[in-house]
Amino acid sequence: MRDSNRARLILGVLLAAALVILTVDHRTGDNSPLHPLRAAGAYVFGTAEQLGGGVLRPIGGFVQALVAAPAAQERIDALKAENAKLRAGMLAGKLDSDRAKELKDLLGLAGTGGYKVVPANVVARRGAPGFEDAVQIDVGTRDGVHTEMTVINGEGLVGRVIRAAAHSSTVVLISDPASAVGARLEGAKEIGVVHGVGEHGRLVQFRLLDSTAALTRGGRIVSFGSQHGRPYVAGVPVGVIERVESTPGELTRIAYARPYADLTALDVVGVVVEAPKRDPRDAVLPPKEKER
């Protein structure tokens, strides 16, 4: 009981002293004798507050980042998907544009030569029994395509059909070593045979039958044509001679030509289902200035 009364007395004295101190400090302002004590307290408690804030702010930011992470990741994934879709759309647009140009060139060449063609897309590059360099196209007998038909693109001769199914066909390219195409020089009657030599289709060999005939770099070769236009129709541009080999004592002369058709990057091609009524001769060859 005595301790309780003593505690109340001490508490009352302390409260009274605190009131007196606050009153004096307030009335004297900056001249208060308690100013240094107040400044020290402000420094101590202010520093503690700053330290506490510095510790808690990163923790709060980390917690907030954890809360927002799933939504941010979803946004990032959505943006990636949108960018991928845009890139795919641009690529598809470019492919469509390129194919439209190739089809236009194909139909232009066919129209000039009088060839009736069935357009097709190259869907695979593969070998075939007895051949090394062949491609598969997406047209077949249902489209009027049969074996031993000429295949061209908008630049020149590509090859011939060696196998035809209902909806697809196999085409051996003129670059295949087993391929042989009757051909002749532009503006002349000298004839020869074009053979594939591999080299990824970059060059073909032209063996001129008359060893005395002129054969020079830059000479242009067109297909000579087969009977009834199969397997090769006449007048299709084959290639441009890049080099001539010296063949002393040989009965034939040999040259190597760059094919007009890029046989390493075939896409849109056409199968000639009907040969022209007349040999177009050199009419299908591009203007020489265009070649340069």
C-alpha atoms as a PDB file:
ATOM      1  CA  MET A   1       0.000   0.000   0.000  1.00  0.00           C
ATOM      2  CA  ARG A   2       2.893   2.322   0.966  1.00  0.00           C
ATOM      3  CA  ASP A   3       4.701   1.422  -2.294  1.00  0.00           C
ATOM      4  CA  SER A   4       1.609   2.283  -4.286  1.00  0.00           C
ATOM      5  CA  ASN A   5       1.255   5.692  -2.637  1.00  0.00           C
ATOM      6  CA  ARG A   6       4.971   6.370  -3.097  1.00  0.00           C
ATOM      7  CA  ALA A   7       4.754   5.464  -6.786  1.00  0.00           C
ATOM      8  CA  ARG A   8       1.810   7.794  -7.278  1.00  0.00           C
ATOM      9  CA  LEU A   9       3.735  10.603  -5.532  1.00  0.00           C
ATOM     10  CA  ILE A  10       6.838  10.085  -7.710  1.00  0.00           C
ATOM     11  CA  LEU A  11       4.690   9.982 -10.876  1.00  0.00           C
ATOM     12  CA  GLY A  12       2.963  13.209  -9.875  1.00  0.00           C
ATOM     13  CA  VAL A  13       6.275  14.959  -9.213  1.00  0.00           C
ATOM     14  CA  LEU A  14       7.657  13.827 -12.582  1.00  0.00           C
ATOM     15  CA  LEU A  15       4.560  15.003 -14.443  1.00  0.00           C
ATOM     16  CA  ALA A  16       4.708  18.384 -12.714  1.00  0.00           C
ATOM     17  CA  ALA A  17       8.414  18.727 -13.541  1.00  0.00           C
ATOM     18  CA  ALA A  18       7.726  17.806 -17.186  1.00  0.00           C
ATOM     19  CA  LEU A  19       5.020  20.442 -17.445  1.00  0.00           C
ATOM     20  CA  VAL A  20       7.335  23.093 -15.968  1.00  0.00           C
ATOM     21  CA  ILE A  21      10.145  22.136 -18.363  1.00  0.00           C
ATOM     22  CA  LEU A  22       7.811  22.205 -21.415  1.00  0.00           C
ATOM     23  CA  THR A  23       6.413  25.568 -20.388  1.00  0.00           C
ATOM     24  CA  VAL A  24       9.862  27.098 -19.890  1.00  0.00           C
ATOM     25  CA  ASP A  25      11.180  25.652 -23.167  1.00  0.00           C
ATOM     26  CA  HIS A  26       8.185  26.890 -25.115  1.00  0.00           C
ATOM     27  CA  ARG A  27       8.303  30.451 -23.743  1.00  0.00           C
ATOM     28  CA  THR A  28      12.057  30.946 -24.127  1.00  0.00           C
ATOM     29  CA  GLY A  29      12.172  29.554 -27.729  1.00  0.00           C
ATOM     30  CA  ASP A  30      15.647  29.294 -29.218  1.00  0.00           C
ATOM     31  CA  ASN A  31      17.175  30.809 -26.024  1.00  0.00           C
ATOM     32  CA  SER A  32      15.897  27.918 -23.990  1.00  0.00           C
ATOM     33  CA  PRO A  33      18.502  26.308 -21.733  1.00  0.00           C
ATOM     34  CA  LEU A  34      17.079  22.983 -22.941  1.00  0.00           C
ATOM     35  CA  HIS A  35      17.868  23.703 -26.620  1.00  0.00           C
ATOM     36  CA  PRO A  36      21.074  21.585 -26.748  1.00  0.00           C
ATOM     37  CA  LEU A  37      19.202  18.671 -25.179  1.00  0.00           C
ATOM     38  CA  ARG A  38      16.353  19.042 -27.656  1.00  0.00           C
ATOM     39  CA  ALA A  39      18.787  19.152 -30.612  1.00  0.00           C
ATOM     40  CA  ALA A  40      20.595  16.066 -29.360  1.00  0.00           C
ATOM     41  CA  GLY A  41      17.322  14.204 -29.047  1.00  0.00           C
ATOM     42  CA  ALA A  42      16.232  15.255 -32.501  1.00  0.00           C
ATOM     43  CA  TYR A  43      19.571  14.064 -33.920  1.00  0.00           C
ATOM     44  CA  VAL A  44      19.367  10.707 -32.154  1.00  0.00           C
ATOM     45  CA  PHE A  45      15.767   9.960 -33.001  1.00  0.00           C
ATOM     46  CA  GLY A  46      16.028  11.447 -36.540  1.00  0.00           C
ATOM     47  CA  THR A  47      19.041   9.278 -37.326  1.00  0.00           C
ATOM     48  CA  ALA A  48      17.231   6.236 -35.988  1.00  0.00           C
ATOM     49  CA  GLU A  49      14.256   7.065 -38.180  1.00  0.00           C
ATOM     50  CA  GLN A  50      16.442   7.481 -41.253  1.00  0.00           C
ATOM     51  CA  LEU A  51      18.212   4.215 -40.572  1.00  0.00           C
ATOM     52  CA  GLY A  52      14.926   2.449 -40.051  1.00  0.00           C
ATOM     53  CA  GLY A  53      13.537   3.927 -43.256  1.00  0.00           C
ATOM     54  CA  GLY A  54      16.678   2.967 -45.183  1.00  0.00           C
ATOM     55  CA  VAL A  55      16.346  -0.603 -44.012  1.00  0.00           C
ATOM     56  CA  LEU A  56      12.608  -0.861 -44.501  1.00  0.00           C
ATOM     57  CA  ARG A  57      12.419   0.836 -47.904  1.00  0.00           C
ATOM     58  CA  PRO A  58      14.416  -1.891 -49.787  1.00  0.00           C
ATOM     59  CA  ILE A  59      12.429  -4.541 -47.965  1.00  0.00           C
ATOM     60  CA  GLY A  60       9.201  -2.849 -48.966  1.00  0.00           C
ATOM     61  CA  GLY A  61      10.400  -2.490 -52.564  1.00  0.00           C
ATOM     62  CA  PHE A  62      11.425  -6.137 -52.653  1.00  0.00           C
ATOM     63  CA  VAL A  63       8.045  -7.217 -51.323  1.00  0.00           C
ATOM     64  CA  GLN A  64       6.298  -4.980 -53.851  1.00  0.00           C
ATOM     65  CA  ALA A  65       8.444  -6.426 -56.663  1.00  0.00           C
ATOM     66  CA  LEU A  66       7.537  -9.942 -55.559  1.00  0.00           C
ATOM     67  CA  VAL A  67       3.858  -9.036 -55.627  1.00  0.00           C
ATOM     68  CA  ALA A  68       4.141  -7.383 -59.085  1.00  0.00           C
ATOM     69  CA  ALA A  69       6.480 -10.023 -60.643  1.00  0.00           C
ATOM     70  CA  PRO A  70       3.805 -12.370 -62.053  1.00  0.00           C
ATOM     71  CA  ALA A  71       1.963  -9.510 -63.741  1.00  0.00           C
ATOM     72  CA  ALA A  72       5.222  -8.081 -65.133  1.00  0.00           C
ATOM     73  CA  GLN A  73       6.276 -11.477 -66.495  1.00  0.00           C
ATOM     74  CA  GLU A  74       2.883 -11.906 -68.133  1.00  0.00           C
ATOM     75  CA  ARG A  75       3.294  -8.498 -69.775  1.00  0.00           C
ATOM     76  CA  ILE A  76       6.791  -9.380 -70.976  1.00  0.00           C
ATOM     77  CA  ASP A  77       5.522 -12.697 -72.388  1.00  0.00           C
ATOM     78  CA  ALA A  78       2.646 -10.895 -74.101  1.00  0.00           C
ATOM     79  CA  LEU A  79       5.045  -8.373 -75.679  1.00  0.00           C
ATOM     80  CA  LYS A  80       7.358 -11.165 -76.859  1.00  0.00           C
ATOM     81  CA  ALA A  81       4.432 -13.007 -78.410  1.00  0.00           C
ATOM     82  CA  GLU A  82       3.230  -9.823 -80.111  1.00  0.00           C
ATOM     83  CA  ASN A  83       6.712  -9.104 -81.499  1.00  0.00           C
ATOM     84  CA  ALA A  84       7.032 -12.670 -82.765  1.00  0.00           C
ATOM     85  CA  LYS A  85       3.656 -12.360 -84.478  1.00  0.00           C
ATOM     86  CA  LEU A  86       4.695  -9.078 -86.115  1.00  0.00           C
ATOM     87  CA  ARG A  87       7.976 -10.596 -87.342  1.00  0.00           C
ATOM     88  CA  ALA A  88       6.133 -13.631 -88.705  1.00  0.00           C
ATOM     89  CA  GLY A  89       3.653 -11.359 -90.454  1.00  0.00           C
ATOM     90  CA  MET A  90       6.417  -9.305 -92.026  1.00  0.00           C
ATOM     91  CA  LEU A  91       8.228 -12.476 -93.146  1.00  0.00           C
ATOM     92  CA  ALA A  92       5.021 -13.939 -94.576  1.00  0.00           C
ATOM     93  CA  GLY A  93       4.357 -10.684 -96.388  1.00  0.00           C
ATOM     94  CA  LYS A  94       7.849 -10.713 -97.874  1.00  0.00           C
ATOM     95  CA  LEU A  95       7.499 -14.365 -98.895  1.00  0.00           C
ATOM     96  CA  ASP A  96       4.135 -13.657-100.516  1.00  0.00           C
ATOM     97  CA  SER A  97       5.628 -10.679-102.324  1.00  0.00           C
ATOM     98  CA  ASP A  98       8.636 -12.692-103.532  1.00  0.00           C
ATOM     99  CA  ARG A  99       6.448 -15.565-104.700  1.00  0.00           C
ATOM    100  CA  ALA A 100       4.105 -13.195-106.500  1.00  0.00           C
ATOM    101  CA  LYS A 101       7.077 -11.750-108.381  1.00  0.00           C
ATOM    102  CA  GLU A 102       8.398 -15.241-109.217  1.00  0.00           C
ATOM    103  CA  LEU A 103       4.967 -16.271-110.491  1.00  0.00           C
ATOM    104  CA  LYS A 104       4.728 -13.108-112.580  1.00  0.00           C
ATOM    105  CA  ASP A 105       8.172 -13.795-114.095  1.00  0.00           C
ATOM    106  CA  LEU A 106       7.208 -17.431-114.763  1.00  0.00           C
ATOM    107  CA  LEU A 107       4.009 -16.478-116.554  1.00  0.00           C
ATOM    108  CA  GLY A 108       5.890 -13.798-118.509  1.00  0.00           C
ATOM    109  CA  LEU A 109       8.487 -16.297-119.748  1.00  0.00           C
ATOM    110  CA  ALA A 110       5.797 -18.874-120.546  1.00  0.00           C
ATOM    111  CA  GLY A 111       3.773 -16.307-122.449  1.00  0.00           C
ATOM    112  CA  THR A 112       6.774 -15.196-124.503  1.00  0.00           C
ATOM    113  CA  GLY A 113       7.692 -18.761-125.420  1.00  0.00           C
ATOM    114  CA  GLY A 114       4.109 -19.958-125.941  1.00  0.00           C
ATOM    115  CA  TYR A 115       4.400 -22.608-123.214  1.00  0.00           C
ATOM    116  CA  LYS A 116       1.293 -23.728-121.360  1.00  0.00           C
ATOM    117  CA  VAL A 117       2.362 -24.269-117.749  1.00  0.00           C
ATOM    118  CA  VAL A 118       0.989 -25.517-114.459  1.00  0.00           C
ATOM    119  CA  PRO A 119       2.520 -23.393-111.651  1.00  0.00           C
ATOM    120  CA  ALA A 120       3.913 -25.280-108.655  1.00  0.00           C
ATOM    121  CA  ASN A 121       5.849 -24.762-105.442  1.00  0.00           C
ATOM    122  CA  VAL A 122       9.030 -26.619-104.595  1.00  0.00           C
ATOM    123  CA  VAL A 123       8.299 -28.318-101.266  1.00  0.00           C
ATOM    124  CA  ALA A 124      11.446 -30.401-100.720  1.00  0.00           C
ATOM    125  CA  ARG A 125      14.893 -31.052-102.077  1.00  0.00           C
ATOM    126  CA  ARG A 126      15.838 -34.707-102.200  1.00  0.00           C
ATOM    127  CA  GLY A 127      17.646 -37.343-104.172  1.00  0.00           C
ATOM    128  CA  ALA A 128      15.933 -39.980-106.283  1.00  0.00           C
ATOM    129  CA  PRO A 129      17.058 -43.450-107.402  1.00  0.00           C
ATOM    130  CA  GLY A 130      19.739 -42.906-110.034  1.00  0.00           C
ATOM    131  CA  PHE A 131      19.826 -39.137-109.443  1.00  0.00           C
ATOM    132  CA  GLU A 132      21.517 -36.879-106.920  1.00  0.00           C
ATOM    133  CA  ASP A 133      19.936 -33.501-107.527  1.00  0.00           C
ATOM    134  CA  ALA A 134      16.137 -33.528-107.491  1.00  0.00           C
ATOM    135  CA  VAL A 135      13.235 -31.640-105.913  1.00  0.00           C
ATOM    136  CA  GLN A 136       9.638 -32.419-105.072  1.00  0.00           C
ATOM    137  CA  ILE A 137       6.832 -30.123-106.236  1.00  0.00           C
ATOM    138  CA  ASP A 138       3.211 -29.913-105.085  1.00  0.00           C
ATOM    139  CA  VAL A 139       1.412 -30.741-108.364  1.00  0.00           C
ATOM    140  CA  GLY A 140       0.827 -34.119-109.987  1.00  0.00           C
ATOM    141  CA  THR A 141      -1.340 -36.139-112.332  1.00  0.00           C
ATOM    142  CA  ARG A 142      -4.520 -34.539-110.929  1.00  0.00           C
ATOM    143  CA  ASP A 143      -3.163 -31.262-112.314  1.00  0.00           C
ATOM    144  CA  GLY A 144      -2.241 -32.676-115.714  1.00  0.00           C
ATOM    145  CA  VAL A 145       1.407 -33.296-114.875  1.00  0.00           C
ATOM    146  CA  HIS A 146       3.099 -36.444-116.185  1.00  0.00           C
ATOM    147  CA  THR A 147       6.606 -37.814-116.460  1.00  0.00           C
ATOM    148  CA  GLU A 148       9.030 -36.459-119.064  1.00  0.00           C
ATOM    149  CA  MET A 149       7.608 -32.925-118.950  1.00  0.00           C
ATOM    150  CA  THR A 150       9.806 -29.818-118.913  1.00  0.00           C
ATOM    151  CA  VAL A 151      10.066 -27.746-115.739  1.00  0.00           C
ATOM    152  CA  ILE A 152      10.987 -24.051-115.894  1.00  0.00           C
ATOM    153  CA  ASN A 153      10.869 -20.969-113.702  1.00  0.00           C
ATOM    154  CA  GLY A 154      10.828 -17.264-114.489  1.00  0.00           C
ATOM    155  CA  GLU A 155      14.539 -17.286-115.347  1.00  0.00           C
ATOM    156  CA  GLY A 156      15.040 -20.415-117.413  1.00  0.00           C
ATOM    157  CA  LEU A 157      15.273 -24.192-117.567  1.00  0.00           C
ATOM    158  CA  VAL A 158      15.045 -26.105-114.264  1.00  0.00           C
ATOM    159  CA  GLY A 159      14.740 -29.799-115.218  1.00  0.00           C
ATOM    160  CA  ARG A 160      12.230 -32.513-116.101  1.00  0.00           C
ATOM    161  CA  VAL A 161       9.618 -34.584-114.308  1.00  0.00           C
ATOM    162  CA  ILE A 162      10.790 -38.141-113.618  1.00  0.00           C
ATOM    163  CA  ARG A 163       7.966 -39.283-111.341  1.00  0.00           C
ATOM    164  CA  ALA A 164       4.369 -38.102-110.953  1.00  0.00           C
ATOM    165  CA  ALA A 165       1.859 -39.032-108.258  1.00  0.00           C
ATOM    166  CA  ALA A 166      -1.658 -37.701-107.856  1.00  0.00           C
ATOM    167  CA  HIS A 167      -0.694 -34.558-105.933  1.00  0.00           C
ATOM    168  CA  SER A 168       3.100 -34.349-106.174  1.00  0.00           C
ATOM    169  CA  SER A 169       5.942 -34.921-108.599  1.00  0.00           C
ATOM    170  CA  THR A 170       9.714 -35.400-108.556  1.00  0.00           C
ATOM    171  CA  VAL A 171      11.853 -33.217-110.793  1.00  0.00           C
ATOM    172  CA  VAL A 172      15.485 -33.966-111.651  1.00  0.00           C
ATOM    173  CA  LEU A 173      17.465 -30.755-112.132  1.00  0.00           C
ATOM    174  CA  ILE A 174      19.722 -29.960-115.081  1.00  0.00           C
ATOM    175  CA  SER A 175      22.581 -29.747-112.563  1.00  0.00           C
ATOM    176  CA  ASP A 176      22.352 -33.488-111.838  1.00  0.00           C
ATOM    177  CA  PRO A 177      25.353 -35.397-113.274  1.00  0.00           C
ATOM    178  CA  ALA A 178      22.975 -37.907-114.879  1.00  0.00           C
ATOM    179  CA  SER A 179      20.985 -35.180-116.633  1.00  0.00           C
ATOM    180  CA  ALA A 180      21.432 -34.489-120.362  1.00  0.00           C
ATOM    181  CA  VAL A 181      19.704 -31.682-122.277  1.00  0.00           C
ATOM    182  CA  GLY A 182      19.949 -31.005-125.987  1.00  0.00           C
ATOM    183  CA  ALA A 183      20.956 -27.352-126.439  1.00  0.00           C
ATOM    184  CA  ARG A 184      22.259 -24.868-128.980  1.00  0.00           C
ATOM    185  CA  LEU A 185      24.057 -21.558-129.084  1.00  0.00           C
ATOM    186  CA  GLU A 186      22.087 -18.337-129.486  1.00  0.00           C
ATOM    187  CA  GLY A 187      21.753 -17.172-133.079  1.00  0.00           C
ATOM    188  CA  ALA A 188      23.495 -20.246-134.485  1.00  0.00           C
ATOM    189  CA  LYS A 189      22.748 -23.782-135.545  1.00  0.00           C
ATOM    190  CA  GLU A 190      25.582 -25.361-133.576  1.00  0.00           C
ATOM    191  CA  ILE A 191      24.145 -27.851-131.144  1.00  0.00           C
ATOM    192  CA  GLY A 192      25.481 -29.750-128.186  1.00  0.00           C
ATOM    193  CA  VAL A 193      24.500 -31.360-124.896  1.00  0.00           C
ATOM    194  CA  VAL A 194      24.258 -29.828-121.428  1.00  0.00           C
ATOM    195  CA  HIS A 195      25.288 -32.072-118.544  1.00  0.00           C
ATOM    196  CA  GLY A 196      25.151 -31.427-114.826  1.00  0.00           C
ATOM    197  CA  VAL A 197      28.464 -31.420-113.012  1.00  0.00           C
ATOM    198  CA  GLY A 198      27.305 -31.052-109.424  1.00  0.00           C
ATOM    199  CA  GLU A 199      28.981 -27.974-107.880  1.00  0.00           C
ATOM    200  CA  HIS A 200      25.644 -27.280-106.156  1.00  0.00           C
ATOM    201  CA  GLY A 201      24.125 -26.202-109.454  1.00  0.00           C
ATOM    202  CA  ARG A 202      26.445 -23.248-109.939  1.00  0.00           C
ATOM    203  CA  LEU A 203      27.685 -24.489-113.328  1.00  0.00           C
ATOM    204  CA  VAL A 204      26.636 -26.922-116.053  1.00  0.00           C
ATOM    205  CA  GLN A 205      28.795 -28.392-118.796  1.00  0.00           C
ATOM    206  CA  PHE A 206      28.053 -27.661-122.444  1.00  0.00           C
ATOM    207  CA  ARG A 207      29.666 -30.041-124.898  1.00  0.00           C
ATOM    208  CA  LEU A 208      29.474 -28.661-128.439  1.00  0.00           C
ATOM    209  CA  LEU A 209      29.347 -31.423-131.057  1.00  0.00           C
ATOM    210  CA  ASP A 210      31.305 -29.486-133.713  1.00  0.00           C
ATOM    211  CA  SER A 211      34.873 -29.005-132.451  1.00  0.00           C
ATOM    212  CA  THR A 212      35.525 -26.323-135.092  1.00  0.00           C
ATOM    213  CA  ALA A 213      32.580 -24.109-134.116  1.00  0.00           C
ATOM    214  CA  ALA A 214      33.227 -20.865-132.262  1.00  0.00           C
ATOM    215  CA  LEU A 215      32.667 -21.123-128.520  1.00  0.00           C
ATOM    216  CA  THR A 216      33.363 -18.015-126.446  1.00  0.00           C
ATOM    217  CA  ARG A 217      32.791 -16.669-122.968  1.00  0.00           C
ATOM    218  CA  GLY A 218      29.453 -14.843-122.720  1.00  0.00           C
ATOM    219  CA  GLY A 219      27.762 -17.053-125.321  1.00  0.00           C
ATOM    220  CA  ARG A 220      24.169 -17.885-124.430  1.00  0.00           C
ATOM    221  CA  ILE A 221      22.595 -21.328-124.580  1.00  0.00           C
ATOM    222  CA  VAL A 222      18.948 -22.303-125.111  1.00  0.00           C
ATOM    223  CA  SER A 223      17.258 -25.702-125.149  1.00  0.00           C
ATOM    224  CA  PHE A 224      17.220 -27.390-128.545  1.00  0.00           C
ATOM    225  CA  GLY A 225      13.973 -29.239-127.894  1.00  0.00           C
ATOM    226  CA  SER A 226      12.902 -32.870-128.024  1.00  0.00           C
ATOM    227  CA  GLN A 227      10.455 -34.609-130.320  1.00  0.00           C
ATOM    228  CA  HIS A 228       6.918 -33.549-129.386  1.00  0.00           C
ATOM    229  CA  GLY A 229       8.442 -31.336-126.693  1.00  0.00           C
ATOM    230  CA  ARG A 230       9.176 -34.149-124.238  1.00  0.00           C
ATOM    231  CA  PRO A 231      11.179 -34.218-122.112  1.00  0.00           C
ATOM    232  CA  TYR A 232      12.365 -30.762-123.162  1.00  0.00           C
ATOM    233  CA  VAL A 233      10.619 -28.030-125.091  1.00  0.00           C
ATOM    234  CA  ALA A 234      12.625 -25.752-127.390  1.00  0.00           C
ATOM    235  CA  GLY A 235      13.792 -22.207-126.772  1.00  0.00           C
ATOM    236  CA  VAL A 236      14.078 -22.166-122.959  1.00  0.00           C
ATOM    237  CA  PRO A 237      17.104 -20.162-121.704  1.00  0.00           C
ATOM    238  CA  VAL A 238      19.679 -22.561-120.204  1.00  0.00           C
ATOM    239  CA  GLY A 239      22.741 -20.531-119.269  1.00  0.00           C
ATOM    240  CA  VAL A 240      25.618 -18.190-120.105  1.00  0.00           C
ATOM    241  CA  ILE A 241      29.099 -19.543-120.871  1.00  0.00           C
ATOM    242  CA  GLU A 242      31.674 -18.565-118.233  1.00  0.00           C
ATOM    243  CA  ARG A 243      34.731 -20.454-119.454  1.00  0.00           C
ATOM    244  CA  VAL A 244      35.834 -22.563-122.403  1.00  0.00           C
ATOM    245  CA  GLU A 245      38.167 -25.539-122.078  1.00  0.00           C
ATOM    246  CA  SER A 246      40.910 -26.201-124.568  1.00  0.00           C
ATOM    247  CA  THR A 247      40.351 -29.653-126.082  1.00  0.00           C
ATOM    248  CA  PRO A 248      43.029 -30.226-128.755  1.00  0.00           C
ATOM    249  CA  GLY A 249      42.484 -33.355-130.779  1.00  0.00           C
ATOM    250  CA  GLU A 250      38.969 -33.864-129.368  1.00  0.00           C
ATOM    251  CA  LEU A 251      35.901 -34.269-131.563  1.00  0.00           C
ATOM    252  CA  THR A 252      33.872 -31.952-129.312  1.00  0.00           C
ATOM    253  CA  ARG A 253      34.449 -28.638-127.544  1.00  0.00           C
ATOM    254  CA  ILE A 254      33.616 -28.129-123.886  1.00  0.00           C
ATOM    255  CA  ALA A 255      32.419 -25.034-122.030  1.00  0.00           C
ATOM    256  CA  TYR A 256      30.996 -24.387-118.584  1.00  0.00           C
ATOM    257  CA  ALA A 257      27.937 -22.193-118.231  1.00  0.00           C
ATOM    258  CA  ARG A 258      26.121 -20.491-115.366  1.00  0.00           C
ATOM    259  CA  PRO A 259      22.447 -21.533-115.436  1.00  0.00           C
ATOM    260  CA  TYR A 260      19.878 -18.774-115.711  1.00  0.00           C
ATOM    261  CA  ALA A 261      17.741 -20.450-113.059  1.00  0.00           C
ATOM    262  CA  ASP A 262      19.151 -20.344-109.532  1.00  0.00           C
ATOM    263  CA  LEU A 263      19.014 -24.082-108.895  1.00  0.00           C
ATOM    264  CA  THR A 264      20.035 -23.659-105.252  1.00  0.00           C
ATOM    265  CA  ALA A 265      17.034 -21.489-104.329  1.00  0.00           C
ATOM    266  CA  LEU A 266      14.021 -22.799-106.218  1.00  0.00           C
ATOM    267  CA  ASP A 267      10.548 -21.849-105.039  1.00  0.00           C
ATOM    268  CA  VAL A 268       7.943 -21.147-107.742  1.00  0.00           C
ATOM    269  CA  VAL A 269       8.303 -23.277-110.887  1.00  0.00           C
ATOM    270  CA  GLY A 270       6.084 -24.298-113.786  1.00  0.00           C
ATOM    271  CA  VAL A 271       5.555 -27.625-115.514  1.00  0.00           C
ATOM    272  CA  VAL A 272       5.132 -27.254-119.279  1.00  0.00           C
ATOM    273  CA  VAL A 273       2.051 -29.343-120.052  1.00  0.00           C
ATOM    274  CA  GLU A 274       1.799 -28.172-123.658  1.00  0.00           C
ATOM    275  CA  ALA A 275       4.690 -27.265-125.985  1.00  0.00           C
ATOM    276  CA  PRO A 276       4.469 -24.230-128.305  1.00  0.00           C
ATOM    277  CA  LYS A 277       3.309 -24.799-131.855  1.00  0.00           C
ATOM    278  CA  ARG A 278       6.470 -23.092-133.130  1.00  0.00           C
ATOM    279  CA  ASP A 279      10.030 -23.055-131.842  1.00  0.00           C
ATOM    280  CA  PRO A 280      10.419 -19.624-130.183  1.00  0.00           C
ATOM    281  CA  ARG A 281      14.128 -19.706-131.079  1.00  0.00           C
ATOM    282  CA  ASP A 282      15.899 -16.928-129.151  1.00  0.00           C
ATOM    283  CA  ALA A 283      12.807 -14.890-128.309  1.00  0.00           C
ATOM    284  CA  VAL A 284      12.708 -16.043-124.674  1.00  0.00           C
ATOM    285  CA  LEU A 285      16.283 -14.996-123.871  1.00  0.00           C
ATOM    286  CA  PRO A 286      16.440 -11.874-121.669  1.00  0.00           C
ATOM    287  CA  PRO A 287      17.895  -8.635-123.079  1.00  0.00           C
ATOM    288  CA  LYS A 288      21.681  -8.692-122.692  1.00  0.00           C
ATOM    289  CA  GLU A 289      21.718  -5.417-120.777  1.00  0.00           C
ATOM    290  CA  LYS A 290      19.350  -7.003-118.223  1.00  0.00           C
ATOM    291  CA  GLU A 291      21.858  -9.818-117.641  1.00  0.00           C
ATOM    292  CA  ARG A 292      24.452  -7.298-116.545  1.00  0.00           C
END
